[in-house]
Amino acid sequence: VIDVIQGAAYLGQAVVFLYKAIEYDGIRCPDNSPAGCAASIAGFITSVTWIASYLSFAANACGAAVNSGALCAGDWTALMANFG
């Protein structure tokens, strides 16, 4: 249950970072600079990889047996998210 809740929380965070990274009339990147846009895009990508990690761990936890593929996917996506 915790992995699903954390995945939902990061989904909300990903939407916020995506909203900050979009550039169209009236909405600009933070500080209206390339660094501000890059930070928002990096935050979005990091949030999406955390979502993938949490959902992989949830897929393993919901099964009757250990799902080694889900555990491996969860470990790798968590590692990628930690780089973000």
PDB file of N, CA and C in Angstrom:
ATOM      1  N   VAL A   1       0.828  -1.198   0.000  1.00  0.00           N
ATOM      2  CA  VAL A   1       0.000   0.000   0.000  1.00  0.00           C
ATOM      3  C   VAL A   1       0.865   1.251   0.000  1.00  0.00           C
ATOM      4  N   ILE A   2       1.966   1.205   0.740  1.00  0.00           N
ATOM      5  CA  ILE A   2       2.830   2.381   0.831  1.00  0.00           C
ATOM      6  C   ILE A   2       3.412   2.739  -0.541  1.00  0.00           C
ATOM      7  N   ASP A   3       3.828   1.718  -1.314  1.00  0.00           N
ATOM      8  CA  ASP A   3       4.407   1.998  -2.625  1.00  0.00           C
ATOM      9  C   ASP A   3       3.394   2.672  -3.551  1.00  0.00           C
ATOM     10  N   VAL A   4       2.149   2.259  -3.484  1.00  0.00           N
ATOM     11  CA  VAL A   4       1.108   2.861  -4.330  1.00  0.00           C
ATOM     12  C   VAL A   4       0.854   4.305  -3.910  1.00  0.00           C
ATOM     13  N   ILE A   5       0.822   4.562  -2.612  1.00  0.00           N
ATOM     14  CA  ILE A   5       0.609   5.930  -2.127  1.00  0.00           C
ATOM     15  C   ILE A   5       1.772   6.829  -2.527  1.00  0.00           C
ATOM     16  N   GLN A   6       2.998   6.337  -2.374  1.00  0.00           N
ATOM     17  CA  GLN A   6       4.162   7.124  -2.778  1.00  0.00           C
ATOM     18  C   GLN A   6       4.161   7.365  -4.286  1.00  0.00           C
ATOM     19  N   GLY A   7       3.761   6.355  -5.064  1.00  0.00           N
ATOM     20  CA  GLY A   7       3.659   6.528  -6.514  1.00  0.00           C
ATOM     21  C   GLY A   7       2.665   7.607  -6.883  1.00  0.00           C
ATOM     22  N   ALA A   8       1.533   7.639  -6.190  1.00  0.00           N
ATOM     23  CA  ALA A   8       0.523   8.671  -6.458  1.00  0.00           C
ATOM     24  C   ALA A   8       1.050  10.050  -6.076  1.00  0.00           C
ATOM     25  N   ALA A   9       1.775  10.132  -4.969  1.00  0.00           N
ATOM     26  CA  ALA A   9       2.341  11.424  -4.551  1.00  0.00           C
ATOM     27  C   ALA A   9       3.353  11.934  -5.571  1.00  0.00           C
ATOM     28  N   TYR A  10       4.203  11.042  -6.072  1.00  0.00           N
ATOM     29  CA  TYR A  10       5.181  11.466  -7.077  1.00  0.00           C
ATOM     30  C   TYR A  10       4.526  11.780  -8.415  1.00  0.00           C
ATOM     31  N   LEU A  11       3.389  11.179  -8.694  1.00  0.00           N
ATOM     32  CA  LEU A  11       2.647  11.541  -9.904  1.00  0.00           C
ATOM     33  C   LEU A  11       2.215  13.003  -9.824  1.00  0.00           C
ATOM     34  N   GLY A  12       1.720  13.408  -8.669  1.00  0.00           N
ATOM     35  CA  GLY A  12       1.359  14.813  -8.475  1.00  0.00           C
ATOM     36  C   GLY A  12       2.561  15.722  -8.608  1.00  0.00           C
ATOM     37  N   GLN A  13       3.690  15.302  -8.041  1.00  0.00           N
ATOM     38  CA  GLN A  13       4.908  16.104  -8.137  1.00  0.00           C
ATOM     39  C   GLN A  13       5.384  16.190  -9.587  1.00  0.00           C
ATOM     40  N   ALA A  14       5.267  15.101 -10.341  1.00  0.00           N
ATOM     41  CA  ALA A  14       5.669  15.116 -11.751  1.00  0.00           C
ATOM     42  C   ALA A  14       4.835  16.111 -12.539  1.00  0.00           C
ATOM     43  N   VAL A  15       3.539  16.176 -12.249  1.00  0.00           N
ATOM     44  CA  VAL A  15       2.660  17.128 -12.942  1.00  0.00           C
ATOM     45  C   VAL A  15       3.092  18.559 -12.640  1.00  0.00           C
ATOM     46  N   VAL A  16       3.448  18.826 -11.391  1.00  0.00           N
ATOM     47  CA  VAL A  16       3.896  20.178 -11.020  1.00  0.00           C
ATOM     48  C   VAL A  16       5.181  20.538 -11.765  1.00  0.00           C
ATOM     49  N   PHE A  17       6.162  19.628 -11.793  1.00  0.00           N
ATOM     50  CA  PHE A  17       7.414  19.908 -12.500  1.00  0.00           C
ATOM     51  C   PHE A  17       7.191  20.065 -13.998  1.00  0.00           C
ATOM     52  N   LEU A  18       6.296  19.253 -14.569  1.00  0.00           N
ATOM     53  CA  LEU A  18       5.993  19.385 -15.992  1.00  0.00           C
ATOM     54  C   LEU A  18       5.356  20.737 -16.278  1.00  0.00           C
ATOM     55  N   TYR A  19       4.439  21.146 -15.410  1.00  0.00           N
ATOM     56  CA  TYR A  19       3.781  22.450 -15.559  1.00  0.00           C
ATOM     57  C   TYR A  19       4.808  23.579 -15.518  1.00  0.00           C
ATOM     58  N   LYS A  20       5.805  23.455 -14.626  1.00  0.00           N
ATOM     59  CA  LYS A  20       6.841  24.492 -14.528  1.00  0.00           C
ATOM     60  C   LYS A  20       7.777  24.488 -15.734  1.00  0.00           C
ATOM     61  N   ALA A  21       7.922  23.337 -16.395  1.00  0.00           N
ATOM     62  CA  ALA A  21       8.847  23.238 -17.521  1.00  0.00           C
ATOM     63  C   ALA A  21       8.225  23.675 -18.842  1.00  0.00           C
ATOM     64  N   ILE A  22       6.906  23.741 -18.901  1.00  0.00           N
ATOM     65  CA  ILE A  22       6.230  24.120 -20.142  1.00  0.00           C
ATOM     66  C   ILE A  22       6.401  25.610 -20.378  1.00  0.00           C
ATOM     67  N   GLU A  23       6.667  25.940 -21.619  1.00  0.00           N
ATOM     68  CA  GLU A  23       6.813  27.351 -21.964  1.00  0.00           C
ATOM     69  C   GLU A  23       5.800  27.711 -23.049  1.00  0.00           C
ATOM     70  N   TYR A  24       4.818  28.456 -22.678  1.00  0.00           N
ATOM     71  CA  TYR A  24       3.869  29.008 -23.631  1.00  0.00           C
ATOM     72  C   TYR A  24       3.373  30.328 -23.064  1.00  0.00           C
ATOM     73  N   ASP A  25       2.535  31.031 -23.786  1.00  0.00           N
ATOM     74  CA  ASP A  25       2.131  32.371 -23.380  1.00  0.00           C
ATOM     75  C   ASP A  25       1.657  32.417 -21.930  1.00  0.00           C
ATOM     76  N   GLY A  26       2.299  33.280 -21.173  1.00  0.00           N
ATOM     77  CA  GLY A  26       1.902  33.488 -19.786  1.00  0.00           C
ATOM     78  C   GLY A  26       2.591  32.588 -18.788  1.00  0.00           C
ATOM     79  N   ILE A  27       3.185  31.496 -19.223  1.00  0.00           N
ATOM     80  CA  ILE A  27       3.884  30.599 -18.301  1.00  0.00           C
ATOM     81  C   ILE A  27       5.334  30.492 -18.756  1.00  0.00           C
ATOM     82  N   ARG A  28       6.224  30.730 -17.840  1.00  0.00           N
ATOM     83  CA  ARG A  28       7.662  30.673 -18.129  1.00  0.00           C
ATOM     84  C   ARG A  28       8.342  29.711 -17.166  1.00  0.00           C
ATOM     85  N   CYS A  29       9.509  29.246 -17.554  1.00  0.00           N
ATOM     86  CA  CYS A  29      10.317  28.422 -16.658  1.00  0.00           C
ATOM     87  C   CYS A  29      10.718  29.254 -15.443  1.00  0.00           C
ATOM     88  N   PRO A  30      11.049  28.589 -14.326  1.00  0.00           N
ATOM     89  CA  PRO A  30      11.496  29.353 -13.156  1.00  0.00           C
ATOM     90  C   PRO A  30      12.658  30.271 -13.502  1.00  0.00           C
ATOM     91  N   ASP A  31      12.588  31.493 -13.055  1.00  0.00           N
ATOM     92  CA  ASP A  31      13.596  32.532 -13.317  1.00  0.00           C
ATOM     93  C   ASP A  31      13.748  32.841 -14.803  1.00  0.00           C
ATOM     94  N   ASN A  32      12.893  32.265 -15.640  1.00  0.00           N
ATOM     95  CA  ASN A  32      12.937  32.480 -17.084  1.00  0.00           C
ATOM     96  C   ASN A  32      14.342  32.266 -17.634  1.00  0.00           C
ATOM     97  N   SER A  33      14.998  31.214 -17.164  1.00  0.00           N
ATOM     98  CA  SER A  33      16.371  30.930 -17.589  1.00  0.00           C
ATOM     99  C   SER A  33      16.488  29.466 -18.012  1.00  0.00           C
ATOM    100  N   PRO A  34      17.505  29.159 -18.813  1.00  0.00           N
ATOM    101  CA  PRO A  34      17.709  27.760 -19.202  1.00  0.00           C
ATOM    102  C   PRO A  34      17.945  26.852 -17.992  1.00  0.00           C
ATOM    103  N   ALA A  35      18.648  27.353 -16.974  1.00  0.00           N
ATOM    104  CA  ALA A  35      18.896  26.544 -15.773  1.00  0.00           C
ATOM    105  C   ALA A  35      17.590  26.239 -15.044  1.00  0.00           C
ATOM    106  N   GLY A  36      16.683  27.210 -15.010  1.00  0.00           N
ATOM    107  CA  GLY A  36      15.390  26.986 -14.377  1.00  0.00           C
ATOM    108  C   GLY A  36      14.572  25.940 -15.120  1.00  0.00           C
ATOM    109  N   CYS A  37      14.620  25.983 -16.449  1.00  0.00           N
ATOM    110  CA  CYS A  37      13.912  24.971 -17.253  1.00  0.00           C
ATOM    111  C   CYS A  37      14.536  23.593 -17.064  1.00  0.00           C
ATOM    112  N   ALA A  38      15.865  23.529 -17.041  1.00  0.00           N
ATOM    113  CA  ALA A  38      16.553  22.249 -16.874  1.00  0.00           C
ATOM    114  C   ALA A  38      16.222  21.633 -15.519  1.00  0.00           C
ATOM    115  N   ALA A  39      16.148  22.447 -14.486  1.00  0.00           N
ATOM    116  CA  ALA A  39      15.809  21.931 -13.155  1.00  0.00           C
ATOM    117  C   ALA A  39      14.393  21.369 -13.137  1.00  0.00           C
ATOM    118  N   SER A  40      13.474  22.035 -13.801  1.00  0.00           N
ATOM    119  CA  SER A  40      12.094  21.537 -13.843  1.00  0.00           C
ATOM    120  C   SER A  40      11.991  20.238 -14.632  1.00  0.00           C
ATOM    121  N   ILE A  41      12.709  20.148 -15.734  1.00  0.00           N
ATOM    122  CA  ILE A  41      12.687  18.926 -16.546  1.00  0.00           C
ATOM    123  C   ILE A  41      13.346  17.780 -15.787  1.00  0.00           C
ATOM    124  N   ALA A  42      14.462  18.062 -15.109  1.00  0.00           N
ATOM    125  CA  ALA A  42      15.121  17.028 -14.307  1.00  0.00           C
ATOM    126  C   ALA A  42      14.201  16.556 -13.178  1.00  0.00           C
ATOM    127  N   GLY A  43      13.476  17.475 -12.564  1.00  0.00           N
ATOM    128  CA  GLY A  43      12.532  17.105 -11.523  1.00  0.00           C
ATOM    129  C   GLY A  43      11.419  16.228 -12.051  1.00  0.00           C
ATOM    130  N   PHE A  44      10.941  16.531 -13.254  1.00  0.00           N
ATOM    131  CA  PHE A  44       9.896  15.716 -13.884  1.00  0.00           C
ATOM    132  C   PHE A  44      10.405  14.302 -14.159  1.00  0.00           C
ATOM    133  N   ILE A  45      11.582  14.194 -14.753  1.00  0.00           N
ATOM    134  CA  ILE A  45      12.147  12.879 -15.074  1.00  0.00           C
ATOM    135  C   ILE A  45      12.404  12.075 -13.806  1.00  0.00           C
ATOM    136  N   THR A  46      12.922  12.727 -12.772  1.00  0.00           N
ATOM    137  CA  THR A  46      13.162  12.049 -11.501  1.00  0.00           C
ATOM    138  C   THR A  46      11.856  11.540 -10.901  1.00  0.00           C
ATOM    139  N   SER A  47      10.818  12.354 -10.952  1.00  0.00           N
ATOM    140  CA  SER A  47       9.521  11.936 -10.411  1.00  0.00           C
ATOM    141  C   SER A  47       8.970  10.736 -11.158  1.00  0.00           C
ATOM    142  N   VAL A  48       9.111  10.727 -12.468  1.00  0.00           N
ATOM    143  CA  VAL A  48       8.612   9.600 -13.269  1.00  0.00           C
ATOM    144  C   VAL A  48       9.388   8.320 -12.950  1.00  0.00           C
ATOM    145  N   THR A  49      10.699   8.421 -12.743  1.00  0.00           N
ATOM    146  CA  THR A  49      11.460   7.218 -12.410  1.00  0.00           C
ATOM    147  C   THR A  49      11.120   6.719 -11.004  1.00  0.00           C
ATOM    148  N   TRP A  50      10.829   7.631 -10.070  1.00  0.00           N
ATOM    149  CA  TRP A  50      10.364   7.186  -8.744  1.00  0.00           C
ATOM    150  C   TRP A  50       9.021   6.468  -8.869  1.00  0.00           C
ATOM    151  N   ILE A  51       8.137   6.979  -9.704  1.00  0.00           N
ATOM    152  CA  ILE A  51       6.840   6.318  -9.918  1.00  0.00           C
ATOM    153  C   ILE A  51       7.058   4.902 -10.440  1.00  0.00           C
ATOM    154  N   ALA A  52       7.942   4.748 -11.413  1.00  0.00           N
ATOM    155  CA  ALA A  52       8.226   3.422 -11.969  1.00  0.00           C
ATOM    156  C   ALA A  52       8.776   2.489 -10.893  1.00  0.00           C
ATOM    157  N   SER A  53       9.638   3.017 -10.042  1.00  0.00           N
ATOM    158  CA  SER A  53      10.213   2.206  -8.971  1.00  0.00           C
ATOM    159  C   SER A  53       9.144   1.747  -7.984  1.00  0.00           C
ATOM    160  N   TYR A  54       8.326   2.681  -7.516  1.00  0.00           N
ATOM    161  CA  TYR A  54       7.293   2.332  -6.541  1.00  0.00           C
ATOM    162  C   TYR A  54       6.284   1.346  -7.118  1.00  0.00           C
ATOM    163  N   LEU A  55       5.909   1.531  -8.373  1.00  0.00           N
ATOM    164  CA  LEU A  55       4.950   0.606  -8.976  1.00  0.00           C
ATOM    165  C   LEU A  55       5.560  -0.778  -9.190  1.00  0.00           C
ATOM    166  N   SER A  56       6.855  -0.833  -9.479  1.00  0.00           N
ATOM    167  CA  SER A  56       7.524  -2.134  -9.606  1.00  0.00           C
ATOM    168  C   SER A  56       7.539  -2.861  -8.273  1.00  0.00           C
ATOM    169  N   PHE A  57       7.855  -2.149  -7.201  1.00  0.00           N
ATOM    170  CA  PHE A  57       7.853  -2.777  -5.882  1.00  0.00           C
ATOM    171  C   PHE A  57       6.442  -3.176  -5.459  1.00  0.00           C
ATOM    172  N   ALA A  58       5.449  -2.387  -5.841  1.00  0.00           N
ATOM    173  CA  ALA A  58       4.060  -2.742  -5.534  1.00  0.00           C
ATOM    174  C   ALA A  58       3.658  -4.000  -6.291  1.00  0.00           C
ATOM    175  N   ALA A  59       4.104  -4.141  -7.534  1.00  0.00           N
ATOM    176  CA  ALA A  59       3.788  -5.338  -8.319  1.00  0.00           C
ATOM    177  C   ALA A  59       4.388  -6.579  -7.669  1.00  0.00           C
ATOM    178  N   ASN A  60       5.573  -6.444  -7.093  1.00  0.00           N
ATOM    179  CA  ASN A  60       6.171  -7.574  -6.396  1.00  0.00           C
ATOM    180  C   ASN A  60       5.421  -7.889  -5.102  1.00  0.00           C
ATOM    181  N   ALA A  61       5.030  -6.870  -4.369  1.00  0.00           N
ATOM    182  CA  ALA A  61       4.378  -7.067  -3.074  1.00  0.00           C
ATOM    183  C   ALA A  61       2.977  -7.667  -3.215  1.00  0.00           C
ATOM    184  N   CYS A  62       2.319  -7.422  -4.321  1.00  0.00           N
ATOM    185  CA  CYS A  62       0.942  -7.897  -4.495  1.00  0.00           C
ATOM    186  C   CYS A  62       0.857  -9.355  -4.922  1.00  0.00           C
ATOM    187  N   GLY A  63       1.934  -9.916  -5.395  1.00  0.00           N
ATOM    188  CA  GLY A  63       1.900 -11.290  -5.875  1.00  0.00           C
ATOM    189  C   GLY A  63       2.034 -12.297  -4.745  1.00  0.00           C
ATOM    190  N   ALA A  64       1.662 -13.538  -5.036  1.00  0.00           N
ATOM    191  CA  ALA A  64       1.773 -14.610  -4.049  1.00  0.00           C
ATOM    192  C   ALA A  64       3.214 -15.088  -3.905  1.00  0.00           C
ATOM    193  N   ALA A  65       4.019 -14.909  -4.945  1.00  0.00           N
ATOM    194  CA  ALA A  65       5.421 -15.323  -4.935  1.00  0.00           C
ATOM    195  C   ALA A  65       6.301 -14.124  -5.265  1.00  0.00           C
ATOM    196  N   VAL A  66       7.574 -14.281  -5.013  1.00  0.00           N
ATOM    197  CA  VAL A  66       8.522 -13.209  -5.327  1.00  0.00           C
ATOM    198  C   VAL A  66       8.586 -13.024  -6.835  1.00  0.00           C
ATOM    199  N   ASN A  67       8.485 -11.789  -7.275  1.00  0.00           N
ATOM    200  CA  ASN A  67       8.572 -11.454  -8.692  1.00  0.00           C
ATOM    201  C   ASN A  67       9.936 -10.816  -8.920  1.00  0.00           C
ATOM    202  N   SER A  68      10.903 -11.634  -9.348  1.00  0.00           N
ATOM    203  CA  SER A  68      12.273 -11.128  -9.476  1.00  0.00           C
ATOM    204  C   SER A  68      12.393 -10.051 -10.553  1.00  0.00           C
ATOM    205  N   GLY A  69      11.571 -10.117 -11.588  1.00  0.00           N
ATOM    206  CA  GLY A  69      11.598  -9.079 -12.622  1.00  0.00           C
ATOM    207  C   GLY A  69      11.154  -7.736 -12.080  1.00  0.00           C
ATOM    208  N   ALA A  70      10.107  -7.739 -11.251  1.00  0.00           N
ATOM    209  CA  ALA A  70       9.623  -6.496 -10.656  1.00  0.00           C
ATOM    210  C   ALA A  70      10.637  -5.943  -9.665  1.00  0.00           C
ATOM    211  N   LEU A  71      11.281  -6.833  -8.893  1.00  0.00           N
ATOM    212  CA  LEU A  71      12.307  -6.373  -7.948  1.00  0.00           C
ATOM    213  C   LEU A  71      13.496  -5.759  -8.685  1.00  0.00           C
ATOM    214  N   CYS A  72      13.914  -6.395  -9.769  1.00  0.00           N
ATOM    215  CA  CYS A  72      15.035  -5.869 -10.553  1.00  0.00           C
ATOM    216  C   CYS A  72      14.678  -4.516 -11.157  1.00  0.00           C
ATOM    217  N   ALA A  73      13.472  -4.408 -11.725  1.00  0.00           N
ATOM    218  CA  ALA A  73      13.036  -3.130 -12.306  1.00  0.00           C
ATOM    219  C   ALA A  73      12.950  -2.057 -11.231  1.00  0.00           C
ATOM    220  N   GLY A  74      12.445  -2.416 -10.057  1.00  0.00           N
ATOM    221  CA  GLY A  74      12.347  -1.458  -8.962  1.00  0.00           C
ATOM    222  C   GLY A  74      13.707  -0.976  -8.503  1.00  0.00           C
ATOM    223  N   ASP A  75      14.666  -1.896  -8.398  1.00  0.00           N
ATOM    224  CA  ASP A  75      16.016  -1.513  -7.977  1.00  0.00           C
ATOM    225  C   ASP A  75      16.684  -0.582  -8.987  1.00  0.00           C
ATOM    226  N   TRP A  76      16.571  -0.912 -10.272  1.00  0.00           N
ATOM    227  CA  TRP A  76      17.221  -0.090 -11.295  1.00  0.00           C
ATOM    228  C   TRP A  76      16.579   1.289 -11.429  1.00  0.00           C
ATOM    229  N   THR A  77      15.265   1.323 -11.376  1.00  0.00           N
ATOM    230  CA  THR A  77      14.618   2.641 -11.502  1.00  0.00           C
ATOM    231  C   THR A  77      14.844   3.487 -10.255  1.00  0.00           C
ATOM    232  N   ALA A  78      14.951   2.849  -9.077  1.00  0.00           N
ATOM    233  CA  ALA A  78      15.286   3.600  -7.864  1.00  0.00           C
ATOM    234  C   ALA A  78      16.698   4.162  -7.967  1.00  0.00           C
ATOM    235  N   LEU A  79      17.609   3.370  -8.525  1.00  0.00           N
ATOM    236  CA  LEU A  79      18.981   3.851  -8.716  1.00  0.00           C
ATOM    237  C   LEU A  79      19.011   5.053  -9.663  1.00  0.00           C
ATOM    238  N   MET A  80      18.259   4.971 -10.766  1.00  0.00           N
ATOM    239  CA  MET A  80      18.195   6.097 -11.707  1.00  0.00           C
ATOM    240  C   MET A  80      17.569   7.329 -11.054  1.00  0.00           C
ATOM    241  N   ALA A  81      16.546   7.119 -10.247  1.00  0.00           N
ATOM    242  CA  ALA A  81      15.878   8.253  -9.587  1.00  0.00           C
ATOM    243  C   ALA A  81      16.818   8.915  -8.581  1.00  0.00           C
ATOM    244  N   ASN A  82      17.665   8.139  -7.942  1.00  0.00           N
ATOM    245  CA  ASN A  82      18.603   8.722  -6.981  1.00  0.00           C
ATOM    246  C   ASN A  82      19.634   9.615  -7.658  1.00  0.00           C
ATOM    247  N   PHE A  83      19.876   9.407  -8.948  1.00  0.00           N
ATOM    248  CA  PHE A  83      20.794  10.284  -9.670  1.00  0.00           C
ATOM    249  C   PHE A  83      20.151  11.632  -9.991  1.00  0.00           C
ATOM    250  N   GLY A  84      18.836  11.714  -9.916  1.00  0.00           N
ATOM    251  CA  GLY A  84      18.100  12.920 -10.286  1.00  0.00           C
ATOM    252  C   GLY A  84      18.124  14.011  -9.304  1.00  0.00           C
TER     253      GLY A  84
END
